Amino acid sequence: MWNQRQAVEIFHLHFLRALGLRVDKQLIALTGGCNLRFFFKSIRYSEDMDLDAHTISVGTLRSNVSRILEAPTFRNGLQVHQLEIVRVSAPKQTETTQRWKITLKQSRAGNELPTKIEFSRRDVIDTTLVEPVDPLVIQSYRLYPVLMRHYTLQAAFSQKIAALALREQIQSRDVFDLKLLLDAGAAQQPLNALTKGHVEAAILNAMAIDYDAFAAQVLAFIEPDYQQFYGQRSAWATLQAQVVASLERLQS
């Protein structure tokens, strides 16, 4: 039996594979936490999945996503993993954002699991590449390989700095994700002018997050083997200090 975070992740991977078979991979790019999890070995699960879309029309994308979610072959694939789709809605379908809300159910446990799939419209999808999802993730669930366009390490780093600097409500996951990207070498390349302009606000926001916020927002989404370690206040304090120090070096 998969835990609830893994069950949602299985659904995300099934959906990405089906999407890649139906929609031109040049038009879609995976971003956010799923990008970090599937391509950069993040230990943080994502509750929702975010993608960017380029040139594909609202109607065409809506039709393709609806067909995927309704297809018997897709639903049968979920049933192999003891998952079923209980409810689907498409509450936002505009020229800038298309969002689907999906409620899943674990057949044996009976738990209902909410998730969202959101597409943001971009004029250009650059600094991306098409690669297979981390084989270790795929093999752990005994899935078919998944090939998807996603944002590169440098692009993801710039996006995370901007997210930490600009969100109306500061999210501790942005600091946690920045540590992953920094450890992967994201700071080795010079920042573009736009990203560099966000660094000061990102530093201030990173320093404002306390352990309680991290524990409430992120801890439950970390792989179980790491939860005890990150359940210590000292672990968060160290991570936070390292991210702030790295961002400060980027200012010089």
C-alpha atoms as a PDB file:
ATOM      1  CA  MET A   1       0.000   0.000   0.000  1.00  0.00           C
ATOM      2  CA  TRP A   2       1.382   3.396  -0.972  1.00  0.00           C
ATOM      3  CA  ASN A   3       1.141   6.272   1.475  1.00  0.00           C
ATOM      4  CA  GLN A   4      -1.049   9.235   0.531  1.00  0.00           C
ATOM      5  CA  ARG A   5       1.806  11.350  -0.891  1.00  0.00           C
ATOM      6  CA  GLN A   6       2.992   8.468  -3.026  1.00  0.00           C
ATOM      7  CA  ALA A   7      -0.527   7.761  -4.261  1.00  0.00           C
ATOM      8  CA  VAL A   8      -0.902  11.336  -5.520  1.00  0.00           C
ATOM      9  CA  GLU A   9       2.551  11.126  -7.108  1.00  0.00           C
ATOM     10  CA  ILE A  10       1.561   7.957  -8.965  1.00  0.00           C
ATOM     11  CA  PHE A  11      -1.424   9.817 -10.387  1.00  0.00           C
ATOM     12  CA  HIS A  12       0.810  12.736 -11.461  1.00  0.00           C
ATOM     13  CA  LEU A  13       3.184  10.365 -13.264  1.00  0.00           C
ATOM     14  CA  HIS A  14       0.349   8.517 -14.998  1.00  0.00           C
ATOM     15  CA  PHE A  15      -1.043  11.860 -16.129  1.00  0.00           C
ATOM     16  CA  LEU A  16       2.312  13.135 -17.422  1.00  0.00           C
ATOM     17  CA  ARG A  17       2.841  10.018 -19.480  1.00  0.00           C
ATOM     18  CA  ALA A  18      -0.647  10.264 -20.995  1.00  0.00           C
ATOM     19  CA  LEU A  19      -0.194  13.990 -21.633  1.00  0.00           C
ATOM     20  CA  GLY A  20       3.120  13.425 -23.389  1.00  0.00           C
ATOM     21  CA  LEU A  21       1.500  10.896 -25.700  1.00  0.00           C
ATOM     22  CA  ARG A  22      -1.394  13.198 -26.593  1.00  0.00           C
ATOM     23  CA  VAL A  23       0.118  16.719 -26.687  1.00  0.00           C
ATOM     24  CA  ASP A  24       3.231  17.925 -28.529  1.00  0.00           C
ATOM     25  CA  LYS A  25       6.022  18.066 -25.947  1.00  0.00           C
ATOM     26  CA  GLN A  26       7.209  21.365 -27.443  1.00  0.00           C
ATOM     27  CA  LEU A  27       4.049  23.028 -26.113  1.00  0.00           C
ATOM     28  CA  ILE A  28       4.146  21.940 -22.465  1.00  0.00           C
ATOM     29  CA  ALA A  29       6.799  22.210 -19.724  1.00  0.00           C
ATOM     30  CA  LEU A  30       6.720  20.836 -16.186  1.00  0.00           C
ATOM     31  CA  THR A  31       7.596  23.344 -13.479  1.00  0.00           C
ATOM     32  CA  GLY A  32       7.419  23.727  -9.693  1.00  0.00           C
ATOM     33  CA  GLY A  33       7.834  21.015  -7.109  1.00  0.00           C
ATOM     34  CA  CYS A  34       7.096  18.124  -9.465  1.00  0.00           C
ATOM     35  CA  ASN A  35       9.921  19.292 -11.722  1.00  0.00           C
ATOM     36  CA  LEU A  36      12.307  19.209  -8.751  1.00  0.00           C
ATOM     37  CA  ARG A  37      11.013  15.839  -7.583  1.00  0.00           C
ATOM     38  CA  PHE A  38      11.009  14.066 -10.954  1.00  0.00           C
ATOM     39  CA  PHE A  39      14.205  15.490 -12.427  1.00  0.00           C
ATOM     40  CA  PHE A  40      16.398  16.809  -9.580  1.00  0.00           C
ATOM     41  CA  LYS A  41      15.902  14.158  -6.881  1.00  0.00           C
ATOM     42  CA  SER A  42      13.970  16.287  -4.400  1.00  0.00           C
ATOM     43  CA  ILE A  43      12.845  14.417  -1.279  1.00  0.00           C
ATOM     44  CA  ARG A  44       9.738  16.610  -1.085  1.00  0.00           C
ATOM     45  CA  TYR A  45       6.474  15.300  -2.520  1.00  0.00           C
ATOM     46  CA  SER A  46       4.140  17.744  -4.256  1.00  0.00           C
ATOM     47  CA  GLU A  47       0.445  17.921  -3.483  1.00  0.00           C
ATOM     48  CA  ASP A  48      -0.329  19.558  -6.846  1.00  0.00           C
ATOM     49  CA  MET A  49       1.272  19.690 -10.287  1.00  0.00           C
ATOM     50  CA  ASP A  50       2.110  22.845 -12.269  1.00  0.00           C
ATOM     51  CA  LEU A  51       2.909  23.112 -15.952  1.00  0.00           C
ATOM     52  CA  ASP A  52       3.452  25.918 -18.440  1.00  0.00           C
ATOM     53  CA  ALA A  53       1.705  25.883 -21.812  1.00  0.00           C
ATOM     54  CA  HIS A  54       2.762  27.634 -25.017  1.00  0.00           C
ATOM     55  CA  THR A  55       0.544  28.446 -28.056  1.00  0.00           C
ATOM     56  CA  ILE A  56      -1.905  25.585 -27.457  1.00  0.00           C
ATOM     57  CA  SER A  57      -5.438  27.017 -27.275  1.00  0.00           C
ATOM     58  CA  VAL A  58      -7.635  26.912 -24.191  1.00  0.00           C
ATOM     59  CA  GLY A  59     -10.183  24.709 -25.927  1.00  0.00           C
ATOM     60  CA  THR A  60      -7.634  22.260 -27.284  1.00  0.00           C
ATOM     61  CA  LEU A  61      -5.895  21.835 -23.939  1.00  0.00           C
ATOM     62  CA  ARG A  62      -9.174  21.464 -22.083  1.00  0.00           C
ATOM     63  CA  SER A  63     -10.337  18.813 -24.528  1.00  0.00           C
ATOM     64  CA  ASN A  64      -7.080  16.864 -24.282  1.00  0.00           C
ATOM     65  CA  VAL A  65      -6.954  16.912 -20.480  1.00  0.00           C
ATOM     66  CA  SER A  66     -10.615  15.906 -20.215  1.00  0.00           C
ATOM     67  CA  ARG A  67     -10.083  13.001 -22.590  1.00  0.00           C
ATOM     68  CA  ILE A  68      -7.085  11.799 -20.602  1.00  0.00           C
ATOM     69  CA  LEU A  69      -8.930  11.882 -17.283  1.00  0.00           C
ATOM     70  CA  GLU A  70     -11.999  10.147 -18.747  1.00  0.00           C
ATOM     71  CA  ALA A  71     -10.165   7.485 -20.774  1.00  0.00           C
ATOM     72  CA  PRO A  72     -10.790   3.885 -19.608  1.00  0.00           C
ATOM     73  CA  THR A  73      -7.135   2.989 -20.279  1.00  0.00           C
ATOM     74  CA  PHE A  74      -5.983   5.824 -18.011  1.00  0.00           C
ATOM     75  CA  ARG A  75      -8.353   4.841 -15.226  1.00  0.00           C
ATOM     76  CA  ASN A  76      -7.428   1.181 -15.573  1.00  0.00           C
ATOM     77  CA  GLY A  77      -3.777   2.132 -15.150  1.00  0.00           C
ATOM     78  CA  LEU A  78      -4.647   3.857 -11.888  1.00  0.00           C
ATOM     79  CA  GLN A  79      -6.613   0.843 -10.674  1.00  0.00           C
ATOM     80  CA  VAL A  80      -3.487  -1.298 -10.953  1.00  0.00           C
ATOM     81  CA  HIS A  81      -2.118   0.931  -8.185  1.00  0.00           C
ATOM     82  CA  GLN A  82      -5.359   0.730  -6.181  1.00  0.00           C
ATOM     83  CA  LEU A  83      -6.349   4.271  -7.193  1.00  0.00           C
ATOM     84  CA  GLU A  84      -9.533   5.646  -8.671  1.00  0.00           C
ATOM     85  CA  ILE A  85     -10.768   9.086  -9.678  1.00  0.00           C
ATOM     86  CA  VAL A  86     -13.778  10.093  -7.594  1.00  0.00           C
ATOM     87  CA  ARG A  87     -14.427  13.651  -8.805  1.00  0.00           C
ATOM     88  CA  VAL A  88     -13.073  16.021 -11.440  1.00  0.00           C
ATOM     89  CA  SER A  89     -13.829  19.707 -11.918  1.00  0.00           C
ATOM     90  CA  ALA A  90     -12.330  22.426 -14.098  1.00  0.00           C
ATOM     91  CA  PRO A  91     -13.023  25.582 -12.039  1.00  0.00           C
ATOM     92  CA  LYS A  92     -10.715  27.922 -13.949  1.00  0.00           C
ATOM     93  CA  GLN A  93     -10.353  27.940 -17.720  1.00  0.00           C
ATOM     94  CA  THR A  94      -9.012  31.302 -18.895  1.00  0.00           C
ATOM     95  CA  GLU A  95      -6.458  32.518 -21.428  1.00  0.00           C
ATOM     96  CA  THR A  96      -3.811  32.708 -18.671  1.00  0.00           C
ATOM     97  CA  THR A  97      -4.643  29.795 -16.345  1.00  0.00           C
ATOM     98  CA  GLN A  98      -6.354  26.434 -16.700  1.00  0.00           C
ATOM     99  CA  ARG A  99      -6.942  24.443 -13.539  1.00  0.00           C
ATOM    100  CA  TRP A 100      -8.382  21.024 -12.822  1.00  0.00           C
ATOM    101  CA  LYS A 101      -9.257  19.733  -9.356  1.00  0.00           C
ATOM    102  CA  ILE A 102      -9.178  15.974  -8.949  1.00  0.00           C
ATOM    103  CA  THR A 103     -10.202  13.867  -5.978  1.00  0.00           C
ATOM    104  CA  LEU A 104      -8.601  10.440  -5.856  1.00  0.00           C
ATOM    105  CA  LYS A 105      -9.442   7.481  -3.664  1.00  0.00           C
ATOM    106  CA  GLN A 106      -7.213   4.686  -2.465  1.00  0.00           C
ATOM    107  CA  SER A 107      -9.296   1.576  -3.030  1.00  0.00           C
ATOM    108  CA  ARG A 108      -8.079  -0.356   0.002  1.00  0.00           C
ATOM    109  CA  ALA A 109      -7.652   2.453   2.513  1.00  0.00           C
ATOM    110  CA  GLY A 110     -10.690   4.418   1.373  1.00  0.00           C
ATOM    111  CA  ASN A 111      -8.859   7.728   1.766  1.00  0.00           C
ATOM    112  CA  GLU A 112      -9.904  10.594  -0.506  1.00  0.00           C
ATOM    113  CA  LEU A 113      -6.915  12.552  -1.779  1.00  0.00           C
ATOM    114  CA  PRO A 114      -7.272  15.983  -3.395  1.00  0.00           C
ATOM    115  CA  THR A 115      -4.838  17.283  -6.004  1.00  0.00           C
ATOM    116  CA  LYS A 116      -4.745  19.963  -8.692  1.00  0.00           C
ATOM    117  CA  ILE A 117      -3.275  20.180 -12.163  1.00  0.00           C
ATOM    118  CA  GLU A 118      -2.657  23.750 -13.295  1.00  0.00           C
ATOM    119  CA  PHE A 119      -1.406  25.092 -16.614  1.00  0.00           C
ATOM    120  CA  SER A 120      -0.121  28.677 -16.863  1.00  0.00           C
ATOM    121  CA  ARG A 121       0.039  30.242 -20.312  1.00  0.00           C
ATOM    122  CA  ARG A 122       3.502  31.497 -21.385  1.00  0.00           C
ATOM    123  CA  ASP A 123       4.462  33.388 -24.546  1.00  0.00           C
ATOM    124  CA  VAL A 124       7.711  31.423 -24.665  1.00  0.00           C
ATOM    125  CA  ILE A 125       8.848  28.237 -22.961  1.00  0.00           C
ATOM    126  CA  ASP A 126      12.625  28.545 -22.947  1.00  0.00           C
ATOM    127  CA  THR A 127      15.475  27.053 -20.866  1.00  0.00           C
ATOM    128  CA  THR A 128      13.720  23.694 -21.033  1.00  0.00           C
ATOM    129  CA  LEU A 129      14.651  20.267 -22.288  1.00  0.00           C
ATOM    130  CA  VAL A 130      12.971  16.910 -22.853  1.00  0.00           C
ATOM    131  CA  GLU A 131      14.245  14.152 -20.568  1.00  0.00           C
ATOM    132  CA  PRO A 132      12.986  10.964 -18.911  1.00  0.00           C
ATOM    133  CA  VAL A 133      11.732  11.212 -15.351  1.00  0.00           C
ATOM    134  CA  ASP A 134      14.276   9.924 -12.807  1.00  0.00           C
ATOM    135  CA  PRO A 135      14.354   6.119 -13.341  1.00  0.00           C
ATOM    136  CA  LEU A 136      14.546   5.514  -9.586  1.00  0.00           C
ATOM    137  CA  VAL A 137      11.175   7.219  -9.130  1.00  0.00           C
ATOM    138  CA  ILE A 138       9.652   5.283 -12.021  1.00  0.00           C
ATOM    139  CA  GLN A 139      11.032   1.945 -10.841  1.00  0.00           C
ATOM    140  CA  SER A 140       9.851   2.465  -7.273  1.00  0.00           C
ATOM    141  CA  TYR A 141       6.247   2.449  -8.551  1.00  0.00           C
ATOM    142  CA  ARG A 142       6.811  -0.086 -11.343  1.00  0.00           C
ATOM    143  CA  LEU A 143       5.606   2.377 -13.987  1.00  0.00           C
ATOM    144  CA  TYR A 144       6.391   2.775 -17.665  1.00  0.00           C
ATOM    145  CA  PRO A 145       9.069   5.411 -18.434  1.00  0.00           C
ATOM    146  CA  VAL A 146       7.827   8.994 -18.658  1.00  0.00           C
ATOM    147  CA  LEU A 147       9.370  11.470 -21.098  1.00  0.00           C
ATOM    148  CA  MET A 148       8.539  15.146 -20.497  1.00  0.00           C
ATOM    149  CA  ARG A 149       9.753  18.674 -21.230  1.00  0.00           C
ATOM    150  CA  HIS A 150      10.795  20.460 -18.039  1.00  0.00           C
ATOM    151  CA  TYR A 151      12.731  23.515 -16.851  1.00  0.00           C
ATOM    152  CA  THR A 152      16.491  23.238 -16.431  1.00  0.00           C
ATOM    153  CA  LEU A 153      18.365  23.582 -13.145  1.00  0.00           C
ATOM    154  CA  GLN A 154      19.194  27.253 -13.781  1.00  0.00           C
ATOM    155  CA  ALA A 155      15.636  28.084 -14.813  1.00  0.00           C
ATOM    156  CA  ALA A 156      14.193  26.324 -11.771  1.00  0.00           C
ATOM    157  CA  PHE A 157      16.628  28.249  -9.555  1.00  0.00           C
ATOM    158  CA  SER A 158      15.548  31.590 -11.003  1.00  0.00           C
ATOM    159  CA  GLN A 159      11.889  30.619 -10.635  1.00  0.00           C
ATOM    160  CA  LYS A 160      12.370  29.677  -6.968  1.00  0.00           C
ATOM    161  CA  ILE A 161      14.155  32.913  -6.125  1.00  0.00           C
ATOM    162  CA  ALA A 162      11.331  34.861  -7.752  1.00  0.00           C
ATOM    163  CA  ALA A 163       8.706  32.792  -5.932  1.00  0.00           C
ATOM    164  CA  LEU A 164      10.339  33.380  -2.549  1.00  0.00           C
ATOM    165  CA  ALA A 165      10.659  37.095  -3.272  1.00  0.00           C
ATOM    166  CA  LEU A 166       7.252  37.774  -4.793  1.00  0.00           C
ATOM    167  CA  ARG A 167       4.615  35.525  -3.213  1.00  0.00           C
ATOM    168  CA  GLU A 168       1.944  37.357  -1.249  1.00  0.00           C
ATOM    169  CA  GLN A 169       2.183  34.622   1.380  1.00  0.00           C
ATOM    170  CA  ILE A 170       5.738  33.389   2.021  1.00  0.00           C
ATOM    171  CA  GLN A 171       6.157  29.626   1.648  1.00  0.00           C
ATOM    172  CA  SER A 172       8.812  27.685   3.542  1.00  0.00           C
ATOM    173  CA  ARG A 173       8.935  25.118   0.738  1.00  0.00           C
ATOM    174  CA  ASP A 174      10.689  27.720  -1.425  1.00  0.00           C
ATOM    175  CA  VAL A 175      13.606  27.852   1.020  1.00  0.00           C
ATOM    176  CA  PHE A 176      13.703  24.055   1.257  1.00  0.00           C
ATOM    177  CA  ASP A 177      13.709  23.775  -2.552  1.00  0.00           C
ATOM    178  CA  LEU A 178      16.418  26.412  -2.921  1.00  0.00           C
ATOM    179  CA  LYS A 179      18.724  24.310  -0.744  1.00  0.00           C
ATOM    180  CA  LEU A 180      18.257  21.386  -3.139  1.00  0.00           C
ATOM    181  CA  LEU A 181      19.023  23.569  -6.164  1.00  0.00           C
ATOM    182  CA  LEU A 182      22.036  25.181  -4.516  1.00  0.00           C
ATOM    183  CA  ASP A 183      23.440  21.768  -3.607  1.00  0.00           C
ATOM    184  CA  ALA A 184      22.972  20.750  -7.256  1.00  0.00           C
ATOM    185  CA  GLY A 185      25.180  23.652  -8.377  1.00  0.00           C
ATOM    186  CA  ALA A 186      22.554  26.160  -9.494  1.00  0.00           C
ATOM    187  CA  ALA A 187      24.570  29.138  -8.180  1.00  0.00           C
ATOM    188  CA  GLN A 188      27.598  28.365 -10.313  1.00  0.00           C
ATOM    189  CA  GLN A 189      26.246  30.306 -13.290  1.00  0.00           C
ATOM    190  CA  PRO A 190      25.711  34.106 -13.207  1.00  0.00           C
ATOM    191  CA  LEU A 191      22.163  35.252 -12.534  1.00  0.00           C
ATOM    192  CA  ASN A 192      20.296  37.263 -15.110  1.00  0.00           C
ATOM    193  CA  ALA A 193      19.440  40.845 -14.191  1.00  0.00           C
ATOM    194  CA  LEU A 194      15.796  40.093 -13.412  1.00  0.00           C
ATOM    195  CA  THR A 195      16.614  37.270 -10.999  1.00  0.00           C
ATOM    196  CA  LYS A 196      19.385  39.266  -9.344  1.00  0.00           C
ATOM    197  CA  GLY A 197      16.848  41.990  -8.651  1.00  0.00           C
ATOM    198  CA  HIS A 198      14.775  39.506  -6.637  1.00  0.00           C
ATOM    199  CA  VAL A 199      17.582  38.270  -4.403  1.00  0.00           C
ATOM    200  CA  GLU A 200      17.315  40.921  -1.668  1.00  0.00           C
ATOM    201  CA  ALA A 201      13.588  40.334  -1.141  1.00  0.00           C
ATOM    202  CA  ALA A 202      14.183  36.571  -1.232  1.00  0.00           C
ATOM    203  CA  ILE A 203      16.763  36.884   1.559  1.00  0.00           C
ATOM    204  CA  LEU A 204      14.438  38.919   3.761  1.00  0.00           C
ATOM    205  CA  ASN A 205      11.573  36.489   3.245  1.00  0.00           C
ATOM    206  CA  ALA A 206      13.773  33.452   3.881  1.00  0.00           C
ATOM    207  CA  MET A 207      14.902  34.933   7.203  1.00  0.00           C
ATOM    208  CA  ALA A 208      11.292  35.584   8.230  1.00  0.00           C
ATOM    209  CA  ILE A 209      10.236  31.909   8.169  1.00  0.00           C
ATOM    210  CA  ASP A 210      10.354  30.119  11.504  1.00  0.00           C
ATOM    211  CA  TYR A 211      10.521  26.396  12.217  1.00  0.00           C
ATOM    212  CA  ASP A 212       6.828  26.148  13.093  1.00  0.00           C
ATOM    213  CA  ALA A 213       5.861  27.362   9.616  1.00  0.00           C
ATOM    214  CA  PHE A 214       8.218  24.838   8.028  1.00  0.00           C
ATOM    215  CA  ALA A 215       6.860  22.019  10.189  1.00  0.00           C
ATOM    216  CA  ALA A 216       3.261  22.918   9.330  1.00  0.00           C
ATOM    217  CA  GLN A 217       3.779  23.432   5.600  1.00  0.00           C
ATOM    218  CA  VAL A 218       6.533  21.068   4.482  1.00  0.00           C
ATOM    219  CA  LEU A 219       7.461  18.361   6.981  1.00  0.00           C
ATOM    220  CA  ALA A 220       4.570  16.027   6.131  1.00  0.00           C
ATOM    221  CA  PHE A 221       5.531  16.160   2.435  1.00  0.00           C
ATOM    222  CA  ILE A 222       9.119  15.000   2.970  1.00  0.00           C
ATOM    223  CA  GLU A 223       9.965  11.353   2.356  1.00  0.00           C
ATOM    224  CA  PRO A 224       9.356   9.385   5.599  1.00  0.00           C
ATOM    225  CA  ASP A 225      13.005   8.361   5.968  1.00  0.00           C
ATOM    226  CA  TYR A 226      13.988  12.037   6.315  1.00  0.00           C
ATOM    227  CA  GLN A 227      11.151  13.300   8.491  1.00  0.00           C
ATOM    228  CA  GLN A 228      12.849  12.553  11.798  1.00  0.00           C
ATOM    229  CA  PHE A 229      15.946  14.508  10.772  1.00  0.00           C
ATOM    230  CA  TYR A 230      14.002  17.521   9.509  1.00  0.00           C
ATOM    231  CA  GLY A 231      11.705  17.290  12.514  1.00  0.00           C
ATOM    232  CA  GLN A 232      14.507  18.887  14.528  1.00  0.00           C
ATOM    233  CA  ARG A 233      14.543  22.653  14.866  1.00  0.00           C
ATOM    234  CA  SER A 234      18.305  22.666  14.430  1.00  0.00           C
ATOM    235  CA  ALA A 235      18.013  21.035  10.990  1.00  0.00           C
ATOM    236  CA  TRP A 236      15.720  23.792   9.751  1.00  0.00           C
ATOM    237  CA  ALA A 237      17.904  26.503  11.297  1.00  0.00           C
ATOM    238  CA  THR A 238      20.977  25.114   9.533  1.00  0.00           C
ATOM    239  CA  LEU A 239      19.221  24.803   6.170  1.00  0.00           C
ATOM    240  CA  GLN A 240      17.773  28.303   6.452  1.00  0.00           C
ATOM    241  CA  ALA A 241      21.149  29.821   7.347  1.00  0.00           C
ATOM    242  CA  GLN A 242      22.856  28.039   4.444  1.00  0.00           C
ATOM    243  CA  VAL A 243      20.304  29.289   1.923  1.00  0.00           C
ATOM    244  CA  VAL A 244      20.493  32.859   3.209  1.00  0.00           C
ATOM    245  CA  ALA A 245      24.299  32.798   3.126  1.00  0.00           C
ATOM    246  CA  SER A 246      24.301  31.483  -0.445  1.00  0.00           C
ATOM    247  CA  LEU A 247      21.846  34.146  -1.586  1.00  0.00           C
ATOM    248  CA  GLU A 248      23.907  36.852   0.089  1.00  0.00           C
ATOM    249  CA  ARG A 249      26.954  35.690  -1.864  1.00  0.00           C
ATOM    250  CA  LEU A 250      24.970  36.083  -5.062  1.00  0.00           C
ATOM    251  CA  GLN A 251      24.506  39.780  -4.283  1.00  0.00           C
ATOM    252  CA  SER A 252      28.251  40.451  -4.327  1.00  0.00           C
END
